[in-house]
Amino acid sequence: MTASGYVQWHHTAGKKRHDLTCGLCCWHHQGYPMFGKPLSVLRIEFGPSLAEGSKPFHAEFGSNEHLLQMQNSYLGVS
């Protein structure tokens, strides 16, 4: 599968908590190739994918709570 950058929902508190989701692109969420670029280039340009390991992803982008807080701030949701 090749993605084109559409948002996928990442469940930040388990799959049963649909109220605690944040949007991630296909690369950052499931490691799908995007824009016709190889995975090695995507890692360099966009950082690690959550699918390849949560520790590197969260080290670069912050905790699930931080991601949810940032998204809600962008959306004007408290």
Protein backbone atom coordinates (compact mmCIF):
# COMPACT_ATOMS: atom_id res chain seq x y z
CA MET A 1 0.00 0.00 0.00
CA THR A 2 1.21 3.48 -0.79
CA ALA A 3 -0.32 6.37 1.08
CA SER A 4 -0.80 9.95 -0.04
CA GLY A 5 -0.75 11.67 3.32
CA TYR A 6 -4.30 11.16 4.54
CA VAL A 7 -4.87 11.28 8.28
CA GLN A 8 -5.32 8.09 10.27
CA TRP A 9 -6.53 8.02 13.85
CA HIS A 10 -4.02 6.97 16.48
CA HIS A 11 -5.70 5.76 19.67
CA THR A 12 -3.69 7.36 22.44
CA ALA A 13 -5.36 5.44 25.29
CA GLY A 14 -6.17 2.08 23.75
CA LYS A 15 -8.50 1.13 20.93
CA LYS A 16 -11.64 1.34 23.08
CA ARG A 17 -11.18 5.05 23.85
CA HIS A 18 -12.29 6.75 20.64
CA ASP A 19 -12.48 10.11 22.40
CA LEU A 20 -8.71 10.11 22.89
CA THR A 21 -7.38 9.92 19.34
CA CYS A 22 -4.97 12.10 17.44
CA GLY A 23 -4.47 12.28 13.70
CA LEU A 24 -1.24 10.99 12.21
CA CYS A 25 -0.31 10.70 8.54
CA CYS A 26 0.03 7.22 7.06
CA TRP A 27 3.81 7.35 7.40
CA HIS A 28 3.91 8.38 11.04
CA HIS A 29 1.09 6.01 12.04
CA GLN A 30 1.68 2.79 10.10
CA GLY A 31 4.92 3.33 8.21
CA TYR A 32 3.30 3.35 4.76
CA PRO A 33 5.40 4.80 1.95
CA MET A 34 4.33 8.25 0.79
CA PHE A 35 5.06 10.57 -2.12
CA GLY A 36 6.89 7.79 -4.01
CA LYS A 37 9.83 8.03 -1.59
CA PRO A 38 11.67 5.04 -0.11
CA LEU A 39 11.34 4.39 3.62
CA SER A 40 14.94 5.43 4.27
CA VAL A 41 14.25 8.87 2.80
CA LEU A 42 10.99 9.24 4.72
CA ARG A 43 12.80 8.49 7.98
CA ILE A 44 15.36 11.22 7.24
CA GLU A 45 12.85 13.81 6.03
CA PHE A 46 9.94 13.16 8.43
CA GLY A 47 11.38 11.28 11.38
CA PRO A 48 10.52 7.85 12.72
CA SER A 49 7.27 6.00 12.17
CA LEU A 50 5.29 4.79 15.18
CA ALA A 51 4.90 1.43 13.43
CA GLU A 52 8.64 0.89 13.51
CA GLY A 53 8.86 1.44 17.24
CA SER A 54 7.12 3.60 19.80
CA LYS A 55 10.28 4.59 21.70
CA PRO A 56 12.01 6.41 18.80
CA PHE A 57 8.71 7.94 17.67
CA HIS A 58 7.82 9.29 21.12
CA ALA A 59 11.40 10.43 21.76
CA GLU A 60 11.15 12.66 18.70
CA PHE A 61 7.51 13.77 18.83
CA GLY A 62 6.50 13.49 22.48
CA SER A 63 4.15 11.30 24.46
CA ASN A 64 0.64 10.36 23.38
CA GLU A 65 -0.66 12.89 25.88
CA HIS A 66 1.53 15.60 24.34
CA LEU A 67 0.36 14.73 20.80
CA LEU A 68 -3.27 14.84 21.89
CA GLN A 69 -2.73 18.15 23.68
CA MET A 70 -1.02 19.69 20.61
CA GLN A 71 -3.80 18.52 18.30
CA ASN A 72 -6.51 19.87 20.59
CA SER A 73 -4.67 23.18 20.85
CA TYR A 74 -4.51 23.45 17.02
CA LEU A 75 -8.21 22.65 16.81
CA GLY A 76 -9.21 25.01 19.61
CA VAL A 77 -10.56 22.15 21.73
CA SER A 78 -10.03 22.20 25.47
